């Protein structure tokens, strides 16, 4: 048996199995935890903090946050981080995905989905596309989760700045933001949960001007 690959939600349309209760986990690590909004928060349970481990870094430039750097899964530059998770109150995966997509104001292509095999994978099973897939399946099965979904926006730092991402380059970039952009950058980093500890966060929090902006 071949392990299921990580995919975007738009690639999968499956009928709902009415014979069992679907347990759908939503992963979170950024503003989803502190400003989900009622239309999203009304349809999930409380956040828990023993989720799977993913690679995170502040490496996405957000237009909505006036150029601030936001957290995304970044397999090249990210730090291994045990993230938060919650159970969706939806019975159908497509509804849970719609909740997350609407909150993030994004497309289905930017919502990740992992369907968890009901039986353990054979020793010779091959995980496709992502080395972290195996551990996430193990975590999900330990929680009795059937499907895991998450925001799958990617780093755009290099595309936006024409420079490869590094802590030095990102720090220099933030310093070029106008005052209102720096305020947004400081607010986002300071409000990020304590379990997120990356080189970029540490570098920013050591900047005297950054601490002032965050107040």
N, C-alpha and C. Protein backbone atom coordinates (compact mmCIF):
# COMPACT_ATOMS: atom_id res chain seq x y z
N UNK A 1 0.85 -1.20 0.00
CA UNK A 1 0.00 0.00 0.00
C UNK A 1 0.88 1.24 0.00
N UNK A 2 0.53 2.22 -0.78
CA UNK A 2 1.30 3.45 -0.85
C UNK A 2 0.65 4.50 0.02
N UNK A 3 1.45 5.22 0.81
CA UNK A 3 0.91 6.24 1.71
C UNK A 3 0.31 7.39 0.93
N UNK A 4 -0.78 7.98 1.42
CA UNK A 4 -1.38 9.12 0.73
C UNK A 4 -0.47 10.32 0.78
N UNK A 5 -0.44 11.10 -0.27
CA UNK A 5 0.42 12.27 -0.33
C UNK A 5 -0.26 13.47 0.26
N UNK A 6 0.53 14.45 0.71
CA UNK A 6 -0.02 15.76 1.04
C UNK A 6 -0.58 16.33 -0.24
N UNK A 7 -1.72 16.99 -0.17
CA UNK A 7 -2.31 17.53 -1.39
C UNK A 7 -3.02 18.81 -1.04
N UNK A 8 -3.39 19.58 -2.04
CA UNK A 8 -4.27 20.71 -1.80
C UNK A 8 -5.70 20.20 -1.79
N UNK A 9 -6.57 20.90 -1.07
CA UNK A 9 -7.94 20.42 -0.89
C UNK A 9 -8.70 20.33 -2.20
N UNK A 10 -8.37 21.16 -3.16
CA UNK A 10 -9.14 21.16 -4.40
C UNK A 10 -8.96 19.88 -5.20
N UNK A 11 -7.91 19.11 -4.90
CA UNK A 11 -7.62 17.91 -5.67
C UNK A 11 -8.43 16.70 -5.21
N UNK A 12 -9.14 16.82 -4.07
CA UNK A 12 -9.81 15.66 -3.52
C UNK A 12 -11.29 15.98 -3.30
N UNK A 13 -12.15 15.19 -3.88
CA UNK A 13 -13.59 15.27 -3.59
C UNK A 13 -14.04 13.85 -3.30
N UNK A 14 -14.36 13.59 -2.02
CA UNK A 14 -14.72 12.23 -1.62
C UNK A 14 -16.10 12.21 -0.99
N UNK A 15 -16.86 11.15 -1.21
CA UNK A 15 -18.15 11.04 -0.54
C UNK A 15 -17.95 10.86 0.96
N UNK A 16 -18.88 11.37 1.75
CA UNK A 16 -18.79 11.24 3.19
C UNK A 16 -19.25 9.85 3.61
N UNK A 17 -18.48 9.20 4.47
CA UNK A 17 -18.85 7.90 5.01
C UNK A 17 -19.84 8.12 6.15
N UNK A 18 -21.10 7.85 5.91
CA UNK A 18 -22.14 8.12 6.90
C UNK A 18 -22.15 7.08 8.03
N UNK A 19 -21.33 6.05 7.95
CA UNK A 19 -21.36 5.00 8.96
C UNK A 19 -20.49 5.32 10.16
N UNK A 20 -19.70 6.37 10.12
CA UNK A 20 -18.86 6.71 11.26
C UNK A 20 -18.74 8.22 11.37
N UNK A 21 -18.35 8.68 12.57
CA UNK A 21 -18.17 10.11 12.81
C UNK A 21 -16.82 10.54 12.29
N UNK A 22 -16.80 11.55 11.48
CA UNK A 22 -15.55 12.06 10.93
C UNK A 22 -14.90 13.02 11.92
N UNK A 23 -13.66 12.74 12.28
CA UNK A 23 -12.89 13.62 13.16
C UNK A 23 -11.89 14.38 12.29
N UNK A 24 -12.11 15.68 12.20
CA UNK A 24 -11.32 16.53 11.31
C UNK A 24 -10.50 17.49 12.15
N UNK A 25 -9.18 17.42 12.03
CA UNK A 25 -8.29 18.30 12.79
C UNK A 25 -7.85 19.47 11.93
N UNK A 26 -7.87 20.65 12.52
CA UNK A 26 -7.36 21.87 11.88
C UNK A 26 -6.08 22.26 12.61
N UNK A 27 -5.01 22.46 11.87
CA UNK A 27 -3.74 22.88 12.47
C UNK A 27 -3.66 24.40 12.49
N UNK A 28 -3.00 24.94 13.52
CA UNK A 28 -2.84 26.39 13.62
C UNK A 28 -1.54 26.76 14.29
N UNK A 29 -1.01 27.92 13.90
CA UNK A 29 0.25 28.40 14.49
C UNK A 29 0.37 29.93 14.47
N UNK A 30 -0.51 30.60 13.73
CA UNK A 30 -0.42 32.05 13.60
C UNK A 30 -1.69 32.73 14.05
N UNK A 31 -2.13 33.73 13.29
CA UNK A 31 -3.27 34.55 13.69
C UNK A 31 -4.57 33.76 13.79
N UNK A 32 -4.60 32.56 13.22
CA UNK A 32 -5.79 31.71 13.36
C UNK A 32 -6.12 31.49 14.83
N UNK A 33 -5.08 31.51 15.69
CA UNK A 33 -5.29 31.24 17.10
C UNK A 33 -5.84 32.44 17.86
N UNK A 34 -5.52 33.66 17.41
CA UNK A 34 -5.96 34.81 18.20
C UNK A 34 -6.97 35.71 17.49
N UNK A 35 -7.16 35.54 16.21
CA UNK A 35 -8.18 36.32 15.53
C UNK A 35 -8.85 35.50 14.44
N UNK A 36 -9.34 34.33 14.84
CA UNK A 36 -10.02 33.48 13.88
C UNK A 36 -11.30 34.11 13.35
N UNK A 37 -12.00 34.84 14.22
CA UNK A 37 -13.26 35.45 13.83
C UNK A 37 -14.42 34.53 14.13
N UNK A 38 -15.59 35.07 14.46
CA UNK A 38 -16.73 34.24 14.87
C UNK A 38 -17.19 33.25 13.81
N UNK A 39 -17.13 33.63 12.53
CA UNK A 39 -17.60 32.71 11.50
C UNK A 39 -16.72 31.47 11.39
N UNK A 40 -15.48 31.57 11.87
CA UNK A 40 -14.60 30.42 11.91
C UNK A 40 -14.64 29.75 13.29
N UNK A 41 -14.52 30.56 14.34
CA UNK A 41 -14.41 30.02 15.69
C UNK A 41 -15.67 29.28 16.15
N UNK A 42 -16.83 29.63 15.61
CA UNK A 42 -18.06 28.96 16.01
C UNK A 42 -18.13 27.51 15.54
N UNK A 43 -17.22 27.13 14.66
CA UNK A 43 -17.31 25.79 14.08
C UNK A 43 -16.09 24.92 14.40
N UNK A 44 -15.41 25.25 15.49
CA UNK A 44 -14.35 24.34 15.94
C UNK A 44 -14.30 24.33 17.47
N UNK A 45 -13.71 23.28 18.03
CA UNK A 45 -13.54 23.16 19.48
C UNK A 45 -12.32 23.97 19.93
N UNK A 46 -11.99 23.86 21.21
CA UNK A 46 -10.87 24.64 21.75
C UNK A 46 -9.53 24.17 21.16
N UNK A 47 -8.59 25.10 21.13
CA UNK A 47 -7.25 24.77 20.63
C UNK A 47 -6.49 23.94 21.66
N UNK A 48 -5.75 22.97 21.16
CA UNK A 48 -4.85 22.15 21.97
C UNK A 48 -3.43 22.35 21.43
N UNK A 49 -2.46 22.02 22.25
CA UNK A 49 -1.10 22.41 21.90
C UNK A 49 -0.13 21.23 21.83
N UNK A 50 -0.66 20.09 21.46
CA UNK A 50 0.18 18.90 21.28
C UNK A 50 -0.03 18.33 19.87
N UNK A 51 0.03 19.23 18.90
CA UNK A 51 -0.17 18.82 17.52
C UNK A 51 1.07 18.21 16.90
N UNK A 52 1.04 17.98 15.61
CA UNK A 52 2.22 17.43 14.91
C UNK A 52 3.29 18.49 14.77
N UNK A 53 4.45 18.06 14.37
CA UNK A 53 5.57 18.99 14.18
C UNK A 53 5.69 19.36 12.71
N UNK A 54 5.80 20.66 12.45
CA UNK A 54 6.01 21.16 11.09
C UNK A 54 7.13 22.20 11.12
N UNK A 55 7.63 22.55 9.95
CA UNK A 55 8.73 23.51 9.84
C UNK A 55 8.15 24.92 9.62
N UNK A 56 8.35 25.83 10.57
CA UNK A 56 7.77 27.17 10.47
C UNK A 56 8.84 28.26 10.45
N UNK A 57 8.54 29.32 9.70
CA UNK A 57 9.36 30.53 9.76
C UNK A 57 8.50 31.72 9.31
N UNK A 58 8.90 32.91 9.76
CA UNK A 58 8.26 34.15 9.34
C UNK A 58 8.82 34.54 7.97
N UNK A 59 8.37 33.88 6.95
CA UNK A 59 8.99 34.07 5.64
C UNK A 59 8.00 34.39 4.53
N UNK A 60 6.80 34.81 4.90
CA UNK A 60 5.82 35.23 3.90
C UNK A 60 5.47 36.70 4.10
N UNK A 61 5.57 37.49 3.05
CA UNK A 61 5.20 38.90 3.10
C UNK A 61 3.69 39.00 2.88
N UNK A 62 3.02 39.62 3.84
CA UNK A 62 1.56 39.71 3.81
C UNK A 62 1.10 41.10 3.38
N UNK A 63 0.38 41.18 2.27
CA UNK A 63 -0.19 42.45 1.83
C UNK A 63 -1.22 42.94 2.84
N UNK A 64 -2.02 42.02 3.36
CA UNK A 64 -3.09 42.38 4.30
C UNK A 64 -2.52 43.02 5.56
N UNK A 65 -1.30 42.63 5.92
CA UNK A 65 -0.65 43.17 7.12
C UNK A 65 0.42 44.21 6.75
N UNK A 66 0.23 44.86 5.63
CA UNK A 66 1.06 46.00 5.21
C UNK A 66 2.54 45.63 5.07
N UNK A 67 2.78 44.42 4.57
CA UNK A 67 4.15 43.99 4.30
C UNK A 67 4.81 43.23 5.43
N UNK A 68 4.11 43.03 6.55
CA UNK A 68 4.68 42.28 7.67
C UNK A 68 4.99 40.85 7.25
N UNK A 69 5.96 40.26 7.93
CA UNK A 69 6.30 38.86 7.69
C UNK A 69 5.41 37.97 8.55
N UNK A 70 4.82 36.95 7.94
CA UNK A 70 3.93 36.05 8.66
C UNK A 70 4.44 34.61 8.60
N UNK A 71 3.90 33.80 9.49
CA UNK A 71 4.35 32.42 9.62
C UNK A 71 3.75 31.51 8.55
N UNK A 72 4.60 30.70 7.94
CA UNK A 72 4.15 29.68 7.01
C UNK A 72 5.01 28.43 7.18
N UNK A 73 4.51 27.32 6.69
CA UNK A 73 5.34 26.12 6.62
C UNK A 73 6.42 26.37 5.58
N UNK A 74 7.66 26.23 6.00
CA UNK A 74 8.80 26.52 5.12
C UNK A 74 9.80 25.39 5.30
N UNK A 75 9.80 24.45 4.36
CA UNK A 75 10.63 23.26 4.50
C UNK A 75 12.12 23.56 4.34
N UNK A 76 12.45 24.68 3.74
CA UNK A 76 13.87 25.01 3.54
C UNK A 76 14.43 25.81 4.72
N UNK A 77 13.67 26.75 5.25
CA UNK A 77 14.20 27.66 6.28
C UNK A 77 13.51 27.52 7.63
N UNK A 78 12.47 26.72 7.71
CA UNK A 78 11.68 26.65 8.93
C UNK A 78 12.33 25.88 10.06
N UNK A 79 11.89 26.19 11.28
CA UNK A 79 12.33 25.48 12.48
C UNK A 79 11.27 24.45 12.88
N UNK A 80 11.67 23.26 13.28
CA UNK A 80 10.69 22.25 13.70
C UNK A 80 9.86 22.77 14.88
N UNK A 81 8.56 22.73 14.73
CA UNK A 81 7.67 23.33 15.73
C UNK A 81 6.45 22.44 15.94
N UNK A 82 6.17 22.12 17.19
CA UNK A 82 4.94 21.40 17.53
C UNK A 82 3.81 22.41 17.57
N UNK A 83 2.85 22.26 16.68
CA UNK A 83 1.83 23.29 16.48
C UNK A 83 0.54 22.97 17.25
N UNK A 84 -0.36 23.95 17.23
CA UNK A 84 -1.68 23.78 17.86
C UNK A 84 -2.64 23.07 16.89
N UNK A 85 -3.71 22.54 17.44
CA UNK A 85 -4.71 21.90 16.61
C UNK A 85 -6.06 21.95 17.34
N UNK A 86 -7.11 21.82 16.58
CA UNK A 86 -8.45 21.74 17.16
C UNK A 86 -9.30 20.84 16.28
N UNK A 87 -10.40 20.37 16.85
CA UNK A 87 -11.34 19.57 16.08
C UNK A 87 -12.40 20.46 15.46
N UNK A 88 -12.63 20.28 14.18
CA UNK A 88 -13.74 20.96 13.52
C UNK A 88 -15.05 20.37 14.02
N UNK A 89 -16.08 21.20 14.11
CA UNK A 89 -17.40 20.72 14.47
C UNK A 89 -18.21 20.27 13.25
N UNK A 90 -17.60 20.38 12.10
CA UNK A 90 -18.27 19.97 10.87
C UNK A 90 -18.27 18.46 10.74
N UNK A 91 -19.28 17.93 10.07
CA UNK A 91 -19.38 16.50 9.83
C UNK A 91 -18.76 16.11 8.49
N UNK A 92 -18.64 17.06 7.59
CA UNK A 92 -18.08 16.79 6.28
C UNK A 92 -16.78 17.58 6.09
N UNK A 93 -15.80 16.93 5.53
CA UNK A 93 -14.49 17.56 5.33
C UNK A 93 -14.61 18.81 4.48
N UNK A 94 -15.44 18.75 3.45
CA UNK A 94 -15.57 19.88 2.54
C UNK A 94 -16.06 21.13 3.27
N UNK A 95 -16.92 20.96 4.27
CA UNK A 95 -17.40 22.10 5.04
C UNK A 95 -16.30 22.68 5.92
N UNK A 96 -15.49 21.80 6.53
CA UNK A 96 -14.38 22.27 7.36
C UNK A 96 -13.36 23.02 6.51
N UNK A 97 -13.10 22.51 5.32
CA UNK A 97 -12.18 23.18 4.41
C UNK A 97 -12.72 24.55 4.01
N UNK A 98 -14.01 24.61 3.76
CA UNK A 98 -14.64 25.88 3.41
C UNK A 98 -14.50 26.90 4.54
N UNK A 99 -14.67 26.45 5.79
CA UNK A 99 -14.49 27.34 6.94
C UNK A 99 -13.09 27.94 6.95
N UNK A 100 -12.08 27.08 6.78
CA UNK A 100 -10.70 27.54 6.83
C UNK A 100 -10.37 28.42 5.63
N UNK A 101 -10.80 28.00 4.45
CA UNK A 101 -10.52 28.78 3.24
C UNK A 101 -11.15 30.17 3.33
N UNK A 102 -12.38 30.24 3.82
CA UNK A 102 -13.07 31.52 3.92
C UNK A 102 -12.39 32.43 4.94
N UNK A 103 -11.99 31.85 6.05
CA UNK A 103 -11.31 32.66 7.06
C UNK A 103 -10.00 33.22 6.52
N UNK A 104 -9.26 32.41 5.79
CA UNK A 104 -7.97 32.83 5.26
C UNK A 104 -8.11 33.68 4.00
N UNK A 105 -9.33 33.78 3.47
CA UNK A 105 -9.57 34.54 2.24
C UNK A 105 -8.62 34.07 1.13
N UNK A 106 -8.62 32.77 0.93
CA UNK A 106 -7.71 32.18 -0.06
C UNK A 106 -8.46 31.15 -0.89
N UNK A 107 -7.73 30.45 -1.73
CA UNK A 107 -8.31 29.46 -2.63
C UNK A 107 -8.10 28.05 -2.09
N UNK A 108 -8.81 27.09 -2.67
CA UNK A 108 -8.65 25.70 -2.25
C UNK A 108 -7.22 25.20 -2.44
N UNK A 109 -6.52 25.77 -3.42
CA UNK A 109 -5.15 25.34 -3.67
C UNK A 109 -4.23 25.64 -2.49
N UNK A 110 -4.65 26.57 -1.63
CA UNK A 110 -3.82 26.96 -0.48
C UNK A 110 -4.30 26.34 0.83
N UNK A 111 -5.11 25.30 0.73
CA UNK A 111 -5.51 24.54 1.90
C UNK A 111 -4.94 23.13 1.78
N UNK A 112 -4.11 22.76 2.73
CA UNK A 112 -3.53 21.42 2.72
C UNK A 112 -4.47 20.41 3.35
N UNK A 113 -4.39 19.18 2.88
CA UNK A 113 -5.26 18.12 3.40
C UNK A 113 -4.49 16.80 3.43
N UNK A 114 -4.64 16.09 4.53
CA UNK A 114 -4.06 14.77 4.66
C UNK A 114 -5.13 13.81 5.13
N UNK A 115 -5.44 12.81 4.31
CA UNK A 115 -6.36 11.75 4.70
C UNK A 115 -5.57 10.65 5.39
N UNK A 116 -6.00 10.28 6.57
CA UNK A 116 -5.23 9.36 7.41
C UNK A 116 -5.68 7.93 7.16
N UNK A 117 -4.76 7.04 6.78
CA UNK A 117 -5.13 5.63 6.58
C UNK A 117 -5.67 5.03 7.87
N UNK A 118 -6.68 4.21 7.76
CA UNK A 118 -7.28 3.62 8.96
C UNK A 118 -6.38 2.55 9.56
N UNK A 119 -5.60 1.86 8.74
CA UNK A 119 -4.72 0.81 9.23
C UNK A 119 -3.28 1.30 9.16
N UNK A 120 -2.40 0.82 10.04
CA UNK A 120 -0.99 1.19 9.97
C UNK A 120 -0.41 0.87 8.61
N UNK A 121 0.50 1.71 8.15
CA UNK A 121 1.15 1.46 6.87
C UNK A 121 2.10 0.28 6.98
N UNK A 122 2.25 -0.50 5.93
CA UNK A 122 3.21 -1.60 5.95
C UNK A 122 4.63 -1.07 6.04
N UNK A 123 5.53 -1.93 6.51
CA UNK A 123 6.92 -1.51 6.69
C UNK A 123 7.54 -1.02 5.39
N UNK A 124 7.09 -1.58 4.29
CA UNK A 124 7.64 -1.19 3.00
C UNK A 124 6.91 -0.06 2.32
N UNK A 125 5.96 0.57 3.04
CA UNK A 125 5.19 1.66 2.45
C UNK A 125 6.07 2.83 2.07
N UNK A 126 5.72 3.53 1.03
CA UNK A 126 6.51 4.66 0.55
C UNK A 126 5.70 5.93 0.69
N UNK A 127 6.21 6.90 1.44
CA UNK A 127 5.54 8.19 1.58
C UNK A 127 5.93 9.08 0.41
N UNK A 128 4.94 9.69 -0.23
CA UNK A 128 5.20 10.51 -1.40
C UNK A 128 5.26 11.98 -1.05
N UNK A 129 6.11 12.73 -1.73
CA UNK A 129 6.11 14.19 -1.76
C UNK A 129 6.67 14.87 -0.53
N UNK A 130 6.50 14.31 0.68
CA UNK A 130 6.88 15.05 1.87
C UNK A 130 7.39 14.11 2.94
N UNK A 131 8.61 14.39 3.42
CA UNK A 131 9.23 13.52 4.41
C UNK A 131 8.50 13.54 5.73
N UNK A 132 7.71 14.60 6.01
CA UNK A 132 7.00 14.72 7.29
C UNK A 132 5.68 13.97 7.29
N UNK A 133 5.29 13.40 6.17
CA UNK A 133 3.98 12.78 6.08
C UNK A 133 3.83 11.63 7.06
N UNK A 134 4.84 10.79 7.16
CA UNK A 134 4.78 9.66 8.08
C UNK A 134 4.49 10.08 9.51
N UNK A 135 5.31 10.98 10.10
CA UNK A 135 5.06 11.43 11.47
C UNK A 135 3.69 12.07 11.66
N UNK A 136 3.20 12.80 10.67
CA UNK A 136 1.89 13.41 10.83
C UNK A 136 0.80 12.35 10.86
N UNK A 137 0.94 11.31 10.06
CA UNK A 137 -0.03 10.22 10.09
C UNK A 137 0.00 9.52 11.44
N UNK A 138 1.20 9.29 11.97
CA UNK A 138 1.32 8.66 13.29
C UNK A 138 0.64 9.52 14.34
N UNK A 139 0.88 10.84 14.30
CA UNK A 139 0.24 11.74 15.26
C UNK A 139 -1.28 11.69 15.11
N UNK A 140 -1.77 11.81 13.89
CA UNK A 140 -3.21 11.84 13.66
C UNK A 140 -3.87 10.55 14.13
N UNK A 141 -3.25 9.43 13.84
CA UNK A 141 -3.84 8.16 14.26
C UNK A 141 -3.87 8.05 15.79
N UNK A 142 -2.85 8.61 16.46
CA UNK A 142 -2.82 8.55 17.92
C UNK A 142 -3.95 9.37 18.54
N UNK A 143 -4.47 10.35 17.80
CA UNK A 143 -5.57 11.19 18.28
C UNK A 143 -6.92 10.76 17.72
N UNK A 144 -6.92 9.70 16.94
CA UNK A 144 -8.17 9.25 16.35
C UNK A 144 -8.69 10.18 15.27
N UNK A 145 -7.76 10.87 14.58
CA UNK A 145 -8.12 11.84 13.55
C UNK A 145 -8.24 11.14 12.20
N UNK A 146 -9.27 11.50 11.44
CA UNK A 146 -9.46 10.94 10.10
C UNK A 146 -8.86 11.81 9.00
N UNK A 147 -8.96 13.12 9.17
CA UNK A 147 -8.45 14.06 8.16
C UNK A 147 -7.80 15.24 8.88
N UNK A 148 -6.66 15.69 8.36
CA UNK A 148 -5.97 16.87 8.88
C UNK A 148 -5.98 17.94 7.79
N UNK A 149 -6.33 19.18 8.16
CA UNK A 149 -6.28 20.27 7.20
C UNK A 149 -5.51 21.43 7.81
N UNK A 150 -4.92 22.26 6.95
CA UNK A 150 -4.12 23.39 7.41
C UNK A 150 -3.99 24.41 6.30
N UNK A 151 -3.60 25.61 6.68
CA UNK A 151 -3.33 26.67 5.70
C UNK A 151 -1.98 26.37 5.05
N UNK A 152 -1.97 26.28 3.73
CA UNK A 152 -0.76 25.85 3.01
C UNK A 152 -0.16 26.96 2.16
N UNK A 153 -0.30 28.20 2.63
CA UNK A 153 0.39 29.30 1.95
C UNK A 153 1.89 29.08 2.02
N UNK A 154 2.60 29.53 1.00
CA UNK A 154 4.05 29.30 0.92
C UNK A 154 4.83 30.58 1.15
N UNK A 155 6.11 30.41 1.42
CA UNK A 155 6.99 31.57 1.52
C UNK A 155 7.03 32.30 0.17
N UNK A 156 6.94 33.62 0.21
CA UNK A 156 7.05 34.42 -1.02
C UNK A 156 8.14 35.47 -0.91
N UNK A 157 8.99 35.32 0.10
CA UNK A 157 10.01 36.36 0.36
C UNK A 157 10.92 36.57 -0.84
N UNK A 158 11.44 35.48 -1.38
CA UNK A 158 12.36 35.61 -2.52
C UNK A 158 11.66 36.22 -3.73
N UNK A 159 10.43 35.81 -3.97
CA UNK A 159 9.69 36.33 -5.13
C UNK A 159 9.39 37.82 -4.98
N UNK A 160 9.11 38.25 -3.76
CA UNK A 160 8.73 39.64 -3.53
C UNK A 160 9.94 40.57 -3.45
N UNK A 161 11.04 40.09 -2.90
CA UNK A 161 12.20 40.97 -2.68
C UNK A 161 13.33 40.74 -3.67
N UNK A 162 13.26 39.64 -4.43
CA UNK A 162 14.32 39.26 -5.37
C UNK A 162 15.61 38.88 -4.63
N UNK A 163 15.48 38.51 -3.37
CA UNK A 163 16.61 38.07 -2.56
C UNK A 163 16.27 36.74 -1.90
N UNK A 164 17.24 35.85 -1.78
CA UNK A 164 16.96 34.61 -1.07
C UNK A 164 16.68 34.90 0.40
N UNK A 165 15.79 34.10 0.98
CA UNK A 165 15.46 34.33 2.39
C UNK A 165 16.62 33.97 3.28
N UNK A 166 16.88 34.82 4.25
CA UNK A 166 17.80 34.56 5.35
C UNK A 166 17.37 35.48 6.48
N UNK A 167 17.82 35.19 7.68
CA UNK A 167 17.47 36.05 8.81
C UNK A 167 17.97 37.47 8.58
N UNK A 168 19.19 37.60 8.08
CA UNK A 168 19.77 38.92 7.82
C UNK A 168 18.96 39.68 6.77
N UNK A 169 18.62 38.99 5.67
CA UNK A 169 17.86 39.64 4.60
C UNK A 169 16.46 40.02 5.08
N UNK A 170 15.82 39.14 5.85
CA UNK A 170 14.48 39.42 6.33
C UNK A 170 14.47 40.57 7.34
N UNK A 171 15.48 40.62 8.19
CA UNK A 171 15.58 41.70 9.16
C UNK A 171 15.79 43.04 8.45
N UNK A 172 16.64 43.03 7.43
CA UNK A 172 16.85 44.25 6.64
C UNK A 172 15.57 44.68 5.95
N UNK A 173 14.82 43.70 5.44
CA UNK A 173 13.55 44.02 4.78
C UNK A 173 12.58 44.70 5.74
N UNK A 174 12.42 44.14 6.94
CA UNK A 174 11.47 44.71 7.90
C UNK A 174 11.84 46.14 8.25
N UNK A 175 13.13 46.43 8.31
CA UNK A 175 13.58 47.78 8.64
C UNK A 175 13.19 48.80 7.56
N UNK A 176 12.91 48.32 6.35
CA UNK A 176 12.53 49.24 5.27
C UNK A 176 11.03 49.54 5.27
N UNK A 177 10.25 48.85 6.07
CA UNK A 177 8.80 49.07 6.08
C UNK A 177 8.47 50.45 6.64
N UNK A 178 7.40 51.07 6.16
CA UNK A 178 6.93 52.32 6.76
C UNK A 178 6.48 52.06 8.19
N UNK A 179 6.33 53.10 9.01
CA UNK A 179 5.98 52.90 10.42
C UNK A 179 4.76 52.01 10.63
N UNK A 180 3.71 52.20 9.83
CA UNK A 180 2.52 51.38 10.03
C UNK A 180 2.78 49.91 9.72
N UNK A 181 3.68 49.65 8.75
CA UNK A 181 4.05 48.28 8.44
C UNK A 181 4.88 47.66 9.54
N UNK A 182 5.76 48.45 10.14
CA UNK A 182 6.57 47.95 11.26
C UNK A 182 5.69 47.62 12.46
N UNK A 183 4.66 48.43 12.68
CA UNK A 183 3.73 48.15 13.78
C UNK A 183 3.04 46.81 13.55
N UNK A 184 2.59 46.58 12.33
CA UNK A 184 1.93 45.32 12.01
C UNK A 184 2.90 44.14 12.17
N UNK A 185 4.15 44.34 11.74
CA UNK A 185 5.15 43.28 11.86
C UNK A 185 5.41 42.94 13.32
N UNK A 186 5.56 43.98 14.15
CA UNK A 186 5.82 43.77 15.57
C UNK A 186 4.63 43.09 16.25
N UNK A 187 3.43 43.56 15.92
CA UNK A 187 2.22 43.00 16.52
C UNK A 187 2.10 41.51 16.21
N UNK A 188 2.35 41.15 14.96
CA UNK A 188 2.19 39.74 14.55
C UNK A 188 3.20 38.85 15.28
N UNK A 189 4.44 39.29 15.33
CA UNK A 189 5.48 38.47 15.96
C UNK A 189 5.23 38.35 17.47
N UNK A 190 4.90 39.44 18.12
CA UNK A 190 4.69 39.40 19.56
C UNK A 190 3.44 38.60 19.94
N UNK A 191 2.46 38.56 19.06
CA UNK A 191 1.24 37.81 19.36
C UNK A 191 1.35 36.34 18.97
N UNK A 192 2.35 35.99 18.20
CA UNK A 192 2.55 34.58 17.83
C UNK A 192 2.72 33.76 19.11
N UNK A 193 2.18 32.55 19.16
CA UNK A 193 2.27 31.74 20.39
C UNK A 193 3.70 31.44 20.78
N UNK A 194 3.88 31.23 22.07
CA UNK A 194 5.23 30.99 22.61
C UNK A 194 5.88 29.75 22.03
N UNK A 195 5.06 28.79 21.57
CA UNK A 195 5.67 27.56 21.04
C UNK A 195 6.39 27.81 19.72
N UNK A 196 6.18 28.97 19.11
CA UNK A 196 6.89 29.32 17.87
C UNK A 196 8.20 30.02 18.24
N UNK A 197 9.29 29.35 18.04
CA UNK A 197 10.61 29.92 18.31
C UNK A 197 11.48 29.68 17.07
N UNK A 198 11.72 30.73 16.32
CA UNK A 198 12.50 30.63 15.09
C UNK A 198 13.63 31.64 15.12
N UNK A 199 14.65 31.47 14.28
CA UNK A 199 15.74 32.47 14.23
C UNK A 199 15.23 33.87 13.92
N UNK A 200 14.23 33.99 13.04
CA UNK A 200 13.71 35.31 12.69
C UNK A 200 13.02 35.96 13.88
N UNK A 201 12.26 35.20 14.62
CA UNK A 201 11.59 35.77 15.80
C UNK A 201 12.62 36.26 16.81
N UNK A 202 13.61 35.45 17.07
CA UNK A 202 14.63 35.86 18.05
C UNK A 202 15.36 37.10 17.59
N UNK A 203 15.69 37.18 16.31
CA UNK A 203 16.41 38.34 15.79
C UNK A 203 15.56 39.61 15.92
N UNK A 204 14.29 39.52 15.57
CA UNK A 204 13.41 40.69 15.65
C UNK A 204 13.21 41.15 17.09
N UNK A 205 13.04 40.21 18.00
CA UNK A 205 12.77 40.57 19.39
C UNK A 205 13.98 41.18 20.08
N UNK A 206 15.15 41.04 19.49
CA UNK A 206 16.35 41.65 20.05
C UNK A 206 16.56 43.08 19.55
N UNK A 207 15.77 43.49 18.56
CA UNK A 207 15.89 44.85 18.03
C UNK A 207 15.20 45.86 18.95
N UNK A 208 15.91 46.89 19.45
CA UNK A 208 15.28 47.88 20.35
C UNK A 208 14.06 48.55 19.73
N UNK A 209 14.12 48.90 18.45
CA UNK A 209 12.99 49.57 17.81
C UNK A 209 11.78 48.66 17.71
N UNK A 210 12.06 47.36 17.61
CA UNK A 210 10.97 46.41 17.46
C UNK A 210 10.14 46.32 18.74
N UNK A 211 10.82 46.31 19.87
CA UNK A 211 10.12 46.26 21.15
C UNK A 211 9.23 47.47 21.34
N UNK A 212 9.69 48.62 20.92
CA UNK A 212 8.89 49.84 21.04
C UNK A 212 7.65 49.76 20.15
N UNK A 213 7.81 49.26 18.94
CA UNK A 213 6.68 49.14 18.01
C UNK A 213 5.62 48.18 18.53
N UNK A 214 6.04 47.16 19.27
CA UNK A 214 5.10 46.14 19.73
C UNK A 214 4.26 46.60 20.90
N UNK A 215 4.62 47.71 21.53
CA UNK A 215 3.90 48.18 22.72
C UNK A 215 2.58 48.86 22.34
